Amino acid sequence: MPQITIDYSGLMEDAFDREGFARALHEAIVEIAAAKPEACKTQFRPSALTAFGYEDPGARGHAVAHVTIGLLAGRPDETKARLTRRAVELLREHVTGGAFALHASAEIRDLDPSYRKSDA
């Protein structure tokens, strides 16, 4: 915990500083949600094809990035909202120079009580 996934349009590949984003997001999660730094785990999942509205799915004018953060239950809604706002800000800071409009979003979900992890 936290379990973090970032789904993003593959056309962002060269414009997305994933390493810098992960570090900054981990720092924000530690600060805002009181998580331990070593508990932050992030996976990036590029999407080969992204459709936007009614446009041709192959059009290169739009990119989508969505951050999902799974936290243990119990954090107040205000904390979650503050963290999602920060995640979207960080996306905008770490996606630069692309010839596309970035549609950035983020959400927090409570991990199910059945959640378990192994460090081995």
PDB file of N, CA and C in Angstrom:
ATOM      1  N   MET A   1       0.857  -1.150   0.000  1.00  0.00           N
ATOM      2  CA  MET A   1       0.000   0.000   0.000  1.00  0.00           C
ATOM      3  C   MET A   1       0.903   1.211   0.000  1.00  0.00           C
ATOM      4  N   PRO A   2       0.654   2.258  -0.716  1.00  0.00           N
ATOM      5  CA  PRO A   2      -0.362   2.391  -1.740  1.00  0.00           C
ATOM      6  C   PRO A   2       0.018   1.654  -3.040  1.00  0.00           C
ATOM      7  N   GLN A   3      -1.031   1.219  -3.727  1.00  0.00           N
ATOM      8  CA  GLN A   3      -0.890   0.601  -5.045  1.00  0.00           C
ATOM      9  C   GLN A   3      -1.292   1.650  -6.074  1.00  0.00           C
ATOM     10  N   ILE A   4      -0.385   1.994  -6.961  1.00  0.00           N
ATOM     11  CA  ILE A   4      -0.604   3.088  -7.900  1.00  0.00           C
ATOM     12  C   ILE A   4      -0.461   2.566  -9.326  1.00  0.00           C
ATOM     13  N   THR A   5      -1.420   2.891 -10.169  1.00  0.00           N
ATOM     14  CA  THR A   5      -1.298   2.573 -11.597  1.00  0.00           C
ATOM     15  C   THR A   5      -1.571   3.843 -12.399  1.00  0.00           C
ATOM     16  N   ILE A   6      -0.809   3.990 -13.456  1.00  0.00           N
ATOM     17  CA  ILE A   6      -1.007   5.111 -14.363  1.00  0.00           C
ATOM     18  C   ILE A   6      -1.237   4.536 -15.745  1.00  0.00           C
ATOM     19  N   ASP A   7      -2.452   4.705 -16.251  1.00  0.00           N
ATOM     20  CA  ASP A   7      -2.799   4.322 -17.617  1.00  0.00           C
ATOM     21  C   ASP A   7      -2.654   5.575 -18.463  1.00  0.00           C
ATOM     22  N   TYR A   8      -1.937   5.443 -19.583  1.00  0.00           N
ATOM     23  CA  TYR A   8      -1.724   6.636 -20.403  1.00  0.00           C
ATOM     24  C   TYR A   8      -1.610   6.275 -21.877  1.00  0.00           C
ATOM     25  N   SER A   9      -1.948   7.237 -22.712  1.00  0.00           N
ATOM     26  CA  SER A   9      -1.853   7.069 -24.160  1.00  0.00           C
ATOM     27  C   SER A   9      -0.395   6.878 -24.552  1.00  0.00           C
ATOM     28  N   GLY A  10      -0.159   5.865 -25.374  1.00  0.00           N
ATOM     29  CA  GLY A  10       1.199   5.580 -25.800  1.00  0.00           C
ATOM     30  C   GLY A  10       1.864   6.726 -26.535  1.00  0.00           C
ATOM     31  N   LEU A  11       1.092   7.580 -27.169  1.00  0.00           N
ATOM     32  CA  LEU A  11       1.684   8.700 -27.898  1.00  0.00           C
ATOM     33  C   LEU A  11       2.355   9.707 -26.962  1.00  0.00           C
ATOM     34  N   MET A  12       2.140   9.557 -25.658  1.00  0.00           N
ATOM     35  CA  MET A  12       2.780  10.419 -24.668  1.00  0.00           C
ATOM     36  C   MET A  12       4.182   9.942 -24.312  1.00  0.00           C
ATOM     37  N   GLU A  13       4.555   8.762 -24.748  1.00  0.00           N
ATOM     38  CA  GLU A  13       5.785   8.087 -24.323  1.00  0.00           C
ATOM     39  C   GLU A  13       6.989   9.025 -24.233  1.00  0.00           C
ATOM     40  N   ASP A  14       7.267   9.769 -25.275  1.00  0.00           N
ATOM     41  CA  ASP A  14       8.449  10.633 -25.285  1.00  0.00           C
ATOM     42  C   ASP A  14       8.265  11.924 -24.495  1.00  0.00           C
ATOM     43  N   ALA A  15       7.036  12.283 -24.194  1.00  0.00           N
ATOM     44  CA  ALA A  15       6.764  13.543 -23.499  1.00  0.00           C
ATOM     45  C   ALA A  15       6.530  13.352 -21.997  1.00  0.00           C
ATOM     46  N   PHE A  16       6.490  12.111 -21.533  1.00  0.00           N
ATOM     47  CA  PHE A  16       6.116  11.806 -20.151  1.00  0.00           C
ATOM     48  C   PHE A  16       7.351  11.404 -19.349  1.00  0.00           C
ATOM     49  N   ASP A  17       7.726  12.237 -18.391  1.00  0.00           N
ATOM     50  CA  ASP A  17       8.822  11.936 -17.468  1.00  0.00           C
ATOM     51  C   ASP A  17       8.258  11.035 -16.365  1.00  0.00           C
ATOM     52  N   ARG A  18       8.217   9.756 -16.648  1.00  0.00           N
ATOM     53  CA  ARG A  18       7.596   8.805 -15.720  1.00  0.00           C
ATOM     54  C   ARG A  18       8.377   8.690 -14.412  1.00  0.00           C
ATOM     55  N   GLU A  19       9.689   8.657 -14.509  1.00  0.00           N
ATOM     56  CA  GLU A  19      10.510   8.538 -13.305  1.00  0.00           C
ATOM     57  C   GLU A  19      10.304   9.734 -12.375  1.00  0.00           C
ATOM     58  N   GLY A  20      10.349  10.933 -12.948  1.00  0.00           N
ATOM     59  CA  GLY A  20      10.141  12.144 -12.149  1.00  0.00           C
ATOM     60  C   GLY A  20       8.737  12.211 -11.579  1.00  0.00           C
ATOM     61  N   PHE A  21       7.756  11.785 -12.396  1.00  0.00           N
ATOM     62  CA  PHE A  21       6.378  11.780 -11.922  1.00  0.00           C
ATOM     63  C   PHE A  21       6.210  10.823 -10.745  1.00  0.00           C
ATOM     64  N   ALA A  22       6.746   9.618 -10.867  1.00  0.00           N
ATOM     65  CA  ALA A  22       6.603   8.634  -9.786  1.00  0.00           C
ATOM     66  C   ALA A  22       7.215   9.161  -8.490  1.00  0.00           C
ATOM     67  N   ARG A  23       8.403   9.721  -8.576  1.00  0.00           N
ATOM     68  CA  ARG A  23       9.055  10.246  -7.371  1.00  0.00           C
ATOM     69  C   ARG A  23       8.214  11.356  -6.741  1.00  0.00           C
ATOM     70  N   ALA A  24       7.759  12.297  -7.561  1.00  0.00           N
ATOM     71  CA  ALA A  24       6.962  13.414  -7.042  1.00  0.00           C
ATOM     72  C   ALA A  24       5.633  12.925  -6.471  1.00  0.00           C
ATOM     73  N   LEU A  25       5.003  11.956  -7.138  1.00  0.00           N
ATOM     74  CA  LEU A  25       3.734  11.429  -6.633  1.00  0.00           C
ATOM     75  C   LEU A  25       3.945  10.695  -5.320  1.00  0.00           C
ATOM     76  N   HIS A  26       5.005   9.909  -5.227  1.00  0.00           N
ATOM     77  CA  HIS A  26       5.288   9.213  -3.962  1.00  0.00           C
ATOM     78  C   HIS A  26       5.485  10.220  -2.833  1.00  0.00           C
ATOM     79  N   GLU A  27       6.220  11.287  -3.107  1.00  0.00           N
ATOM     80  CA  GLU A  27       6.422  12.326  -2.089  1.00  0.00           C
ATOM     81  C   GLU A  27       5.093  12.950  -1.675  1.00  0.00           C
ATOM     82  N   ALA A  28       4.207  13.194  -2.636  1.00  0.00           N
ATOM     83  CA  ALA A  28       2.898  13.771  -2.321  1.00  0.00           C
ATOM     84  C   ALA A  28       2.061  12.811  -1.487  1.00  0.00           C
ATOM     85  N   ILE A  29       2.110  11.530  -1.803  1.00  0.00           N
ATOM     86  CA  ILE A  29       1.336  10.540  -1.049  1.00  0.00           C
ATOM     87  C   ILE A  29       1.849  10.441   0.378  1.00  0.00           C
ATOM     88  N   VAL A  30       3.159  10.489   0.560  1.00  0.00           N
ATOM     89  CA  VAL A  30       3.736  10.463   1.911  1.00  0.00           C
ATOM     90  C   VAL A  30       3.284  11.693   2.691  1.00  0.00           C
ATOM     91  N   GLU A  31       3.348  12.861   2.052  1.00  0.00           N
ATOM     92  CA  GLU A  31       2.987  14.114   2.717  1.00  0.00           C
ATOM     93  C   GLU A  31       1.485  14.205   3.005  1.00  0.00           C
ATOM     94  N   ILE A  32       0.672  13.903   2.022  1.00  0.00           N
ATOM     95  CA  ILE A  32      -0.769  14.140   2.133  1.00  0.00           C
ATOM     96  C   ILE A  32      -1.506  12.994   2.818  1.00  0.00           C
ATOM     97  N   ALA A  33      -1.123  11.749   2.487  1.00  0.00           N
ATOM     98  CA  ALA A  33      -1.870  10.588   2.997  1.00  0.00           C
ATOM     99  C   ALA A  33      -1.127   9.830   4.095  1.00  0.00           C
ATOM    100  N   ALA A  34       0.011  10.361   4.530  1.00  0.00           N
ATOM    101  CA  ALA A  34       0.788   9.758   5.616  1.00  0.00           C
ATOM    102  C   ALA A  34       1.191   8.311   5.332  1.00  0.00           C
ATOM    103  N   ALA A  35       1.523   8.021   4.078  1.00  0.00           N
ATOM    104  CA  ALA A  35       2.015   6.688   3.728  1.00  0.00           C
ATOM    105  C   ALA A  35       3.523   6.650   3.966  1.00  0.00           C
ATOM    106  N   LYS A  36       4.071   5.456   4.065  1.00  0.00           N
ATOM    107  CA  LYS A  36       5.516   5.291   4.205  1.00  0.00           C
ATOM    108  C   LYS A  36       6.129   5.276   2.803  1.00  0.00           C
ATOM    109  N   PRO A  37       7.266   5.949   2.623  1.00  0.00           N
ATOM    110  CA  PRO A  37       7.868   6.017   1.283  1.00  0.00           C
ATOM    111  C   PRO A  37       8.102   4.639   0.669  1.00  0.00           C
ATOM    112  N   GLU A  38       8.590   3.695   1.443  1.00  0.00           N
ATOM    113  CA  GLU A  38       8.893   2.372   0.905  1.00  0.00           C
ATOM    114  C   GLU A  38       7.645   1.571   0.555  1.00  0.00           C
ATOM    115  N   ALA A  39       6.480   2.052   0.949  1.00  0.00           N
ATOM    116  CA  ALA A  39       5.226   1.354   0.645  1.00  0.00           C
ATOM    117  C   ALA A  39       4.659   1.762  -0.716  1.00  0.00           C
ATOM    118  N   CYS A  40       5.138   2.863  -1.284  1.00  0.00           N
ATOM    119  CA  CYS A  40       4.617   3.351  -2.561  1.00  0.00           C
ATOM    120  C   CYS A  40       5.134   2.495  -3.708  1.00  0.00           C
ATOM    121  N   LYS A  41       4.212   1.968  -4.493  1.00  0.00           N
ATOM    122  CA  LYS A  41       4.552   1.129  -5.645  1.00  0.00           C
ATOM    123  C   LYS A  41       3.738   1.604  -6.839  1.00  0.00           C
ATOM    124  N   THR A  42       4.421   1.898  -7.942  1.00  0.00           N
ATOM    125  CA  THR A  42       3.753   2.455  -9.114  1.00  0.00           C
ATOM    126  C   THR A  42       4.034   1.612 -10.350  1.00  0.00           C
ATOM    127  N   GLN A  43       2.980   1.385 -11.125  1.00  0.00           N
ATOM    128  CA  GLN A  43       3.086   0.711 -12.420  1.00  0.00           C
ATOM    129  C   GLN A  43       2.562   1.658 -13.492  1.00  0.00           C
ATOM    130  N   PHE A  44       3.282   1.725 -14.595  1.00  0.00           N
ATOM    131  CA  PHE A  44       2.869   2.529 -15.739  1.00  0.00           C
ATOM    132  C   PHE A  44       2.382   1.593 -16.827  1.00  0.00           C
ATOM    133  N   ARG A  45       1.201   1.900 -17.385  1.00  0.00           N
ATOM    134  CA  ARG A  45       0.611   1.058 -18.423  1.00  0.00           C
ATOM    135  C   ARG A  45       0.256   1.908 -19.640  1.00  0.00           C
ATOM    136  N   PRO A  46       1.154   1.912 -20.646  1.00  0.00           N
ATOM    137  CA  PRO A  46       0.843   2.659 -21.869  1.00  0.00           C
ATOM    138  C   PRO A  46      -0.212   1.927 -22.681  1.00  0.00           C
ATOM    139  N   SER A  47      -1.048   2.696 -23.326  1.00  0.00           N
ATOM    140  CA  SER A  47      -2.095   2.144 -24.181  1.00  0.00           C
ATOM    141  C   SER A  47      -1.733   2.430 -25.634  1.00  0.00           C
ATOM    142  N   ALA A  48      -1.761   1.392 -26.456  1.00  0.00           N
ATOM    143  CA  ALA A  48      -1.397   1.552 -27.868  1.00  0.00           C
ATOM    144  C   ALA A  48      -2.411   2.406 -28.620  1.00  0.00           C
ATOM    145  N   LEU A  49      -3.656   2.373 -28.184  1.00  0.00           N
ATOM    146  CA  LEU A  49      -4.704   3.105 -28.890  1.00  0.00           C
ATOM    147  C   LEU A  49      -5.625   3.768 -27.868  1.00  0.00           C
ATOM    148  N   THR A  50      -5.874   5.048 -28.063  1.00  0.00           N
ATOM    149  CA  THR A  50      -6.776   5.791 -27.193  1.00  0.00           C
ATOM    150  C   THR A  50      -7.823   6.470 -28.068  1.00  0.00           C
ATOM    151  N   ALA A  51      -9.094   6.285 -27.750  1.00  0.00           N
ATOM    152  CA  ALA A  51     -10.175   6.959 -28.471  1.00  0.00           C
ATOM    153  C   ALA A  51     -10.645   8.132 -27.623  1.00  0.00           C
ATOM    154  N   PHE A  52     -10.958   9.226 -28.288  1.00  0.00           N
ATOM    155  CA  PHE A  52     -11.423  10.411 -27.571  1.00  0.00           C
ATOM    156  C   PHE A  52     -12.661  10.934 -28.268  1.00  0.00           C
ATOM    157  N   GLY A  53     -13.777  10.972 -27.557  1.00  0.00           N
ATOM    158  CA  GLY A  53     -15.022  11.484 -28.125  1.00  0.00           C
ATOM    159  C   GLY A  53     -15.403  10.737 -29.386  1.00  0.00           C
ATOM    160  N   TYR A  54     -15.765  11.501 -30.426  1.00  0.00           N
ATOM    161  CA  TYR A  54     -16.168  10.922 -31.694  1.00  0.00           C
ATOM    162  C   TYR A  54     -15.034  10.914 -32.715  1.00  0.00           C
ATOM    163  N   GLU A  55     -13.852  11.294 -32.281  1.00  0.00           N
ATOM    164  CA  GLU A  55     -12.734  11.362 -33.214  1.00  0.00           C
ATOM    165  C   GLU A  55     -12.285   9.971 -33.646  1.00  0.00           C
ATOM    166  N   ASP A  56     -11.587   9.932 -34.757  1.00  0.00           N
ATOM    167  CA  ASP A  56     -10.972   8.704 -35.240  1.00  0.00           C
ATOM    168  C   ASP A  56     -10.008   8.209 -34.154  1.00  0.00           C
ATOM    169  N   PRO A  57     -10.116   6.947 -33.731  1.00  0.00           N
ATOM    170  CA  PRO A  57      -9.227   6.447 -32.675  1.00  0.00           C
ATOM    171  C   PRO A  57      -7.744   6.612 -32.993  1.00  0.00           C
ATOM    172  N   GLY A  58      -7.385   6.716 -34.252  1.00  0.00           N
ATOM    173  CA  GLY A  58      -5.990   6.903 -34.615  1.00  0.00           C
ATOM    174  C   GLY A  58      -5.539   8.353 -34.608  1.00  0.00           C
ATOM    175  N   ALA A  59      -6.442   9.293 -34.369  1.00  0.00           N
ATOM    176  CA  ALA A  59      -6.081  10.711 -34.359  1.00  0.00           C
ATOM    177  C   ALA A  59      -5.076  10.978 -33.246  1.00  0.00           C
ATOM    178  N   ARG A  60      -4.117  11.848 -33.519  1.00  0.00           N
ATOM    179  CA  ARG A  60      -3.045  12.069 -32.548  1.00  0.00           C
ATOM    180  C   ARG A  60      -3.191  13.394 -31.805  1.00  0.00           C
ATOM    181  N   GLY A  61      -4.368  13.992 -31.801  1.00  0.00           N
ATOM    182  CA  GLY A  61      -4.537  15.294 -31.178  1.00  0.00           C
ATOM    183  C   GLY A  61      -4.819  15.267 -29.687  1.00  0.00           C
ATOM    184  N   HIS A  62      -5.116  14.080 -29.132  1.00  0.00           N
ATOM    185  CA  HIS A  62      -5.473  13.997 -27.716  1.00  0.00           C
ATOM    186  C   HIS A  62      -4.741  12.844 -27.055  1.00  0.00           C
ATOM    187  N   ALA A  63      -4.359  13.067 -25.807  1.00  0.00           N
ATOM    188  CA  ALA A  63      -3.745  12.021 -24.994  1.00  0.00           C
ATOM    189  C   ALA A  63      -4.492  11.959 -23.674  1.00  0.00           C
ATOM    190  N   VAL A  64      -4.615  10.772 -23.140  1.00  0.00           N
ATOM    191  CA  VAL A  64      -5.326  10.550 -21.884  1.00  0.00           C
ATOM    192  C   VAL A  64      -4.358   9.944 -20.879  1.00  0.00           C
ATOM    193  N   ALA A  65      -4.373  10.460 -19.660  1.00  0.00           N
ATOM    194  CA  ALA A  65      -3.604   9.880 -18.560  1.00  0.00           C
ATOM    195  C   ALA A  65      -4.515   9.810 -17.349  1.00  0.00           C
ATOM    196  N   HIS A  66      -4.596   8.632 -16.744  1.00  0.00           N
ATOM    197  CA  HIS A  66      -5.444   8.439 -15.568  1.00  0.00           C
ATOM    198  C   HIS A  66      -4.643   7.745 -14.477  1.00  0.00           C
ATOM    199  N   VAL A  67      -4.629   8.348 -13.291  1.00  0.00           N
ATOM    200  CA  VAL A  67      -3.916   7.820 -12.138  1.00  0.00           C
ATOM    201  C   VAL A  67      -4.928   7.202 -11.188  1.00  0.00           C
ATOM    202  N   THR A  68      -4.679   5.954 -10.803  1.00  0.00           N
ATOM    203  CA  THR A  68      -5.501   5.285  -9.789  1.00  0.00           C
ATOM    204  C   THR A  68      -4.605   4.979  -8.601  1.00  0.00           C
ATOM    205  N   ILE A  69      -5.021   5.440  -7.431  1.00  0.00           N
ATOM    206  CA  ILE A  69      -4.252   5.223  -6.210  1.00  0.00           C
ATOM    207  C   ILE A  69      -5.108   4.401  -5.252  1.00  0.00           C
ATOM    208  N   GLY A  70      -4.631   3.220  -4.919  1.00  0.00           N
ATOM    209  CA  GLY A  70      -5.320   2.363  -3.959  1.00  0.00           C
ATOM    210  C   GLY A  70      -4.697   2.536  -2.591  1.00  0.00           C
ATOM    211  N   LEU A  71      -5.508   2.966  -1.628  1.00  0.00           N
ATOM    212  CA  LEU A  71      -5.049   3.181  -0.255  1.00  0.00           C
ATOM    213  C   LEU A  71      -5.855   2.317   0.704  1.00  0.00           C
ATOM    214  N   LEU A  72      -5.275   1.997   1.828  1.00  0.00           N
ATOM    215  CA  LEU A  72      -6.049   1.334   2.871  1.00  0.00           C
ATOM    216  C   LEU A  72      -7.181   2.266   3.282  1.00  0.00           C
ATOM    217  N   ALA A  73      -8.310   1.710   3.589  1.00  0.00           N
ATOM    218  CA  ALA A  73      -9.507   2.490   3.925  1.00  0.00           C
ATOM    219  C   ALA A  73      -9.277   3.338   5.176  1.00  0.00           C
ATOM    220  N   GLY A  74     -10.050   4.415   5.269  1.00  0.00           N
ATOM    221  CA  GLY A  74     -10.042   5.218   6.479  1.00  0.00           C
ATOM    222  C   GLY A  74      -9.605   6.657   6.293  1.00  0.00           C
ATOM    223  N   ARG A  75      -9.113   6.998   5.127  1.00  0.00           N
ATOM    224  CA  ARG A  75      -8.699   8.381   4.926  1.00  0.00           C
ATOM    225  C   ARG A  75      -9.916   9.249   4.605  1.00  0.00           C
ATOM    226  N   PRO A  76      -9.957  10.460   5.142  1.00  0.00           N
ATOM    227  CA  PRO A  76     -11.108  11.343   4.896  1.00  0.00           C
ATOM    228  C   PRO A  76     -11.196  11.758   3.425  1.00  0.00           C
ATOM    229  N   ASP A  77     -12.409  12.087   2.994  1.00  0.00           N
ATOM    230  CA  ASP A  77     -12.638  12.526   1.616  1.00  0.00           C
ATOM    231  C   ASP A  77     -11.789  13.746   1.269  1.00  0.00           C
ATOM    232  N   GLU A  78     -11.588  14.643   2.201  1.00  0.00           N
ATOM    233  CA  GLU A  78     -10.786  15.842   1.959  1.00  0.00           C
ATOM    234  C   GLU A  78      -9.340  15.465   1.619  1.00  0.00           C
ATOM    235  N   THR A  79      -8.792  14.483   2.315  1.00  0.00           N
ATOM    236  CA  THR A  79      -7.433  14.009   2.032  1.00  0.00           C
ATOM    237  C   THR A  79      -7.371  13.408   0.638  1.00  0.00           C
ATOM    238  N   LYS A  80      -8.356  12.607   0.293  1.00  0.00           N
ATOM    239  CA  LYS A  80      -8.393  11.974  -1.033  1.00  0.00           C
ATOM    240  C   LYS A  80      -8.494  13.041  -2.130  1.00  0.00           C
ATOM    241  N   ALA A  81      -9.346  14.030  -1.935  1.00  0.00           N
ATOM    242  CA  ALA A  81      -9.516  15.095  -2.930  1.00  0.00           C
ATOM    243  C   ALA A  81      -8.229  15.895  -3.087  1.00  0.00           C
ATOM    244  N   ARG A  82      -7.570  16.184  -1.992  1.00  0.00           N
ATOM    245  CA  ARG A  82      -6.307  16.924  -2.047  1.00  0.00           C
ATOM    246  C   ARG A  82      -5.254  16.126  -2.822  1.00  0.00           C
ATOM    247  N   LEU A  83      -5.222  14.823  -2.590  1.00  0.00           N
ATOM    248  CA  LEU A  83      -4.245  13.980  -3.262  1.00  0.00           C
ATOM    249  C   LEU A  83      -4.540  13.849  -4.754  1.00  0.00           C
ATOM    250  N   THR A  84      -5.798  13.718  -5.137  1.00  0.00           N
ATOM    251  CA  THR A  84      -6.105  13.625  -6.570  1.00  0.00           C
ATOM    252  C   THR A  84      -5.808  14.942  -7.288  1.00  0.00           C
ATOM    253  N   ARG A  85      -6.100  16.060  -6.630  1.00  0.00           N
ATOM    254  CA  ARG A  85      -5.756  17.360  -7.232  1.00  0.00           C
ATOM    255  C   ARG A  85      -4.249  17.438  -7.483  1.00  0.00           C
ATOM    256  N   ARG A  86      -3.479  17.006  -6.503  1.00  0.00           N
ATOM    257  CA  ARG A  86      -2.019  17.052  -6.637  1.00  0.00           C
ATOM    258  C   ARG A  86      -1.542  16.099  -7.739  1.00  0.00           C
ATOM    259  N   ALA A  87      -2.133  14.922  -7.837  1.00  0.00           N
ATOM    260  CA  ALA A  87      -1.748  13.964  -8.874  1.00  0.00           C
ATOM    261  C   ALA A  87      -1.969  14.552 -10.268  1.00  0.00           C
ATOM    262  N   VAL A  88      -3.099  15.219 -10.467  1.00  0.00           N
ATOM    263  CA  VAL A  88      -3.380  15.836 -11.773  1.00  0.00           C
ATOM    264  C   VAL A  88      -2.383  16.969 -12.045  1.00  0.00           C
ATOM    265  N   GLU A  89      -2.084  17.777 -11.038  1.00  0.00           N
ATOM    266  CA  GLU A  89      -1.083  18.834 -11.201  1.00  0.00           C
ATOM    267  C   GLU A  89       0.259  18.240 -11.607  1.00  0.00           C
ATOM    268  N   LEU A  90       0.649  17.151 -10.952  1.00  0.00           N
ATOM    269  CA  LEU A  90       1.933  16.518 -11.248  1.00  0.00           C
ATOM    270  C   LEU A  90       1.963  15.941 -12.658  1.00  0.00           C
ATOM    271  N   LEU A  91       0.850  15.386 -13.120  1.00  0.00           N
ATOM    272  CA  LEU A  91       0.792  14.913 -14.500  1.00  0.00           C
ATOM    273  C   LEU A  91       1.088  16.064 -15.450  1.00  0.00           C
ATOM    274  N   ARG A  92       0.439  17.200 -15.226  1.00  0.00           N
ATOM    275  CA  ARG A  92       0.634  18.358 -16.101  1.00  0.00           C
ATOM    276  C   ARG A  92       2.093  18.842 -16.066  1.00  0.00           C
ATOM    277  N   GLU A  93       2.745  18.728 -14.907  1.00  0.00           N
ATOM    278  CA  GLU A  93       4.142  19.148 -14.783  1.00  0.00           C
ATOM    279  C   GLU A  93       5.105  18.178 -15.466  1.00  0.00           C
ATOM    280  N   HIS A  94       4.753  16.905 -15.528  1.00  0.00           N
ATOM    281  CA  HIS A  94       5.686  15.883 -16.013  1.00  0.00           C
ATOM    282  C   HIS A  94       5.373  15.369 -17.416  1.00  0.00           C
ATOM    283  N   VAL A  95       4.342  15.924 -18.044  1.00  0.00           N
ATOM    284  CA  VAL A  95       4.065  15.625 -19.446  1.00  0.00           C
ATOM    285  C   VAL A  95       4.264  16.940 -20.194  1.00  0.00           C
ATOM    286  N   THR A  96       5.363  17.009 -20.937  1.00  0.00           N
ATOM    287  CA  THR A  96       5.699  18.272 -21.593  1.00  0.00           C
ATOM    288  C   THR A  96       6.166  18.026 -23.027  1.00  0.00           C
ATOM    289  N   GLY A  97       5.923  18.998 -23.863  1.00  0.00           N
ATOM    290  CA  GLY A  97       6.457  18.991 -25.209  1.00  0.00           C
ATOM    291  C   GLY A  97       5.722  18.141 -26.226  1.00  0.00           C
ATOM    292  N   GLY A  98       4.643  17.497 -25.846  1.00  0.00           N
ATOM    293  CA  GLY A  98       3.914  16.675 -26.803  1.00  0.00           C
ATOM    294  C   GLY A  98       3.005  17.510 -27.686  1.00  0.00           C
ATOM    295  N   ALA A  99       2.761  17.015 -28.896  1.00  0.00           N
ATOM    296  CA  ALA A  99       1.863  17.698 -29.832  1.00  0.00           C
ATOM    297  C   ALA A  99       0.454  17.137 -29.670  1.00  0.00           C
ATOM    298  N   PHE A 100      -0.092  17.285 -28.469  1.00  0.00           N
ATOM    299  CA  PHE A 100      -1.416  16.756 -28.160  1.00  0.00           C
ATOM    300  C   PHE A 100      -2.002  17.527 -26.984  1.00  0.00           C
ATOM    301  N   ALA A 101      -3.309  17.441 -26.846  1.00  0.00           N
ATOM    302  CA  ALA A 101      -3.990  17.987 -25.674  1.00  0.00           C
ATOM    303  C   ALA A 101      -4.036  16.876 -24.639  1.00  0.00           C
ATOM    304  N   LEU A 102      -3.598  17.165 -23.427  1.00  0.00           N
ATOM    305  CA  LEU A 102      -3.580  16.167 -22.359  1.00  0.00           C
ATOM    306  C   LEU A 102      -4.871  16.222 -21.552  1.00  0.00           C
ATOM    307  N   HIS A 103      -5.529  15.093 -21.439  1.00  0.00           N
ATOM    308  CA  HIS A 103      -6.716  14.936 -20.601  1.00  0.00           C
ATOM    309  C   HIS A 103      -6.290  14.107 -19.403  1.00  0.00           C
ATOM    310  N   ALA A 104      -6.076  14.780 -18.266  1.00  0.00           N
ATOM    311  CA  ALA A 104      -5.523  14.151 -17.077  1.00  0.00           C
ATOM    312  C   ALA A 104      -6.603  13.970 -16.022  1.00  0.00           C
ATOM    313  N   SER A 105      -6.575  12.827 -15.350  1.00  0.00           N
ATOM    314  CA  SER A 105      -7.529  12.574 -14.265  1.00  0.00           C
ATOM    315  C   SER A 105      -6.887  11.661 -13.230  1.00  0.00           C
ATOM    316  N   ALA A 106      -7.495  11.622 -12.051  1.00  0.00           N
ATOM    317  CA  ALA A 106      -6.988  10.788 -10.964  1.00  0.00           C
ATOM    318  C   ALA A 106      -8.135  10.410 -10.047  1.00  0.00           C
ATOM    319  N   GLU A 107      -7.981   9.265  -9.409  1.00  0.00           N
ATOM    320  CA  GLU A 107      -8.963   8.821  -8.421  1.00  0.00           C
ATOM    321  C   GLU A 107      -8.274   8.038  -7.317  1.00  0.00           C
ATOM    322  N   ILE A 108      -8.900   8.051  -6.159  1.00  0.00           N
ATOM    323  CA  ILE A 108      -8.454   7.249  -5.027  1.00  0.00           C
ATOM    324  C   ILE A 108      -9.497   6.176  -4.806  1.00  0.00           C
ATOM    325  N   ARG A 109      -9.049   4.980  -4.594  1.00  0.00           N
ATOM    326  CA  ARG A 109      -9.971   3.910  -4.227  1.00  0.00           C
ATOM    327  C   ARG A 109      -9.461   3.264  -2.956  1.00  0.00           C
ATOM    328  N   ASP A 110     -10.401   2.852  -2.119  1.00  0.00           N
ATOM    329  CA  ASP A 110     -10.031   2.128  -0.912  1.00  0.00           C
ATOM    330  C   ASP A 110      -9.725   0.687  -1.287  1.00  0.00           C
ATOM    331  N   LEU A 111      -8.596   0.184  -0.804  1.00  0.00           N
ATOM    332  CA  LEU A 111      -8.277  -1.214  -1.029  1.00  0.00           C
ATOM    333  C   LEU A 111      -9.286  -2.082  -0.286  1.00  0.00           C
ATOM    334  N   ASP A 112      -9.652  -3.172  -0.886  1.00  0.00           N
ATOM    335  CA  ASP A 112     -10.590  -4.106  -0.285  1.00  0.00           C
ATOM    336  C   ASP A 112      -9.990  -4.682   1.007  1.00  0.00           C
ATOM    337  N   PRO A 113     -10.828  -4.977   2.004  1.00  0.00           N
ATOM    338  CA  PRO A 113     -10.310  -5.563   3.244  1.00  0.00           C
ATOM    339  C   PRO A 113      -9.533  -6.867   3.027  1.00  0.00           C
ATOM    340  N   SER A 114      -9.737  -7.517   1.885  1.00  0.00           N
ATOM    341  CA  SER A 114      -9.002  -8.751   1.613  1.00  0.00           C
ATOM    342  C   SER A 114      -7.569  -8.495   1.131  1.00  0.00           C
ATOM    343  N   TYR A 115      -7.190  -7.244   0.929  1.00  0.00           N
ATOM    344  CA  TYR A 115      -5.867  -6.907   0.409  1.00  0.00           C
ATOM    345  C   TYR A 115      -4.760  -7.487   1.281  1.00  0.00           C
ATOM    346  N   ARG A 116      -3.807  -8.133   0.637  1.00  0.00           N
ATOM    347  CA  ARG A 116      -2.617  -8.650   1.303  1.00  0.00           C
ATOM    348  C   ARG A 116      -1.434  -8.372   0.397  1.00  0.00           C
ATOM    349  N   LYS A 117      -0.243  -8.307   0.986  1.00  0.00           N
ATOM    350  CA  LYS A 117       0.953  -8.119   0.188  1.00  0.00           C
ATOM    351  C   LYS A 117       2.066  -8.997   0.717  1.00  0.00           C
ATOM    352  N   SER A 118       3.055  -9.196  -0.127  1.00  0.00           N
ATOM    353  CA  SER A 118       4.227  -9.962   0.264  1.00  0.00           C
ATOM    354  C   SER A 118       5.443  -9.185  -0.162  1.00  0.00           C
ATOM    355  N   ASP A 119       6.403  -9.043   0.720  1.00  0.00           N
ATOM    356  CA  ASP A 119       7.629  -8.312   0.397  1.00  0.00           C
ATOM    357  C   ASP A 119       8.711  -9.238  -0.149  1.00  0.00           C
ATOM    358  N   ALA A 120       8.438 -10.515  -0.177  1.00  0.00           N
ATOM    359  CA  ALA A 120       9.461 -11.484  -0.622  1.00  0.00           C
ATOM    360  C   ALA A 120       9.404 -11.700  -2.100  1.00  0.00           C
TER     361      ALA A 120
END
